[in-house]
Amino acid sequence: MMKETIRTMTSPVGLNSAPQHPYLIIQCYSCGKLLLARSGQKTKLCTYCNTRLNIFRVRVLARAPTAKAASRIVIALKDRPDKRLD
């Protein structure tokens, strides 16, 4: 009986499994600035215009596995020569 409990607790589909890309690069629907958010969040406060963003309504531009990778994506998007985020 104890072995069955241990097996179910350590299964790869259990509670310990993390999302593949936990960081989202999103665009504020009020001011258009780029922000980072965790994929488990429901809302995010825009640090530029103080708008409370609903994560399910915002435009997700990219996903990243780490915060550092997400930051690099934001920098690359901001440095685009056409300055459009479409």
Foldseek 3Di string as FASTA:
>chain_A
DVVVVVCVCPDCVDPPPDDQFQKFWWADPPPGATDIDGPPDQWDQDPPPRDIGGPVPIDTLDTHNDPVVVVVVSVVLCPDPVNDSD
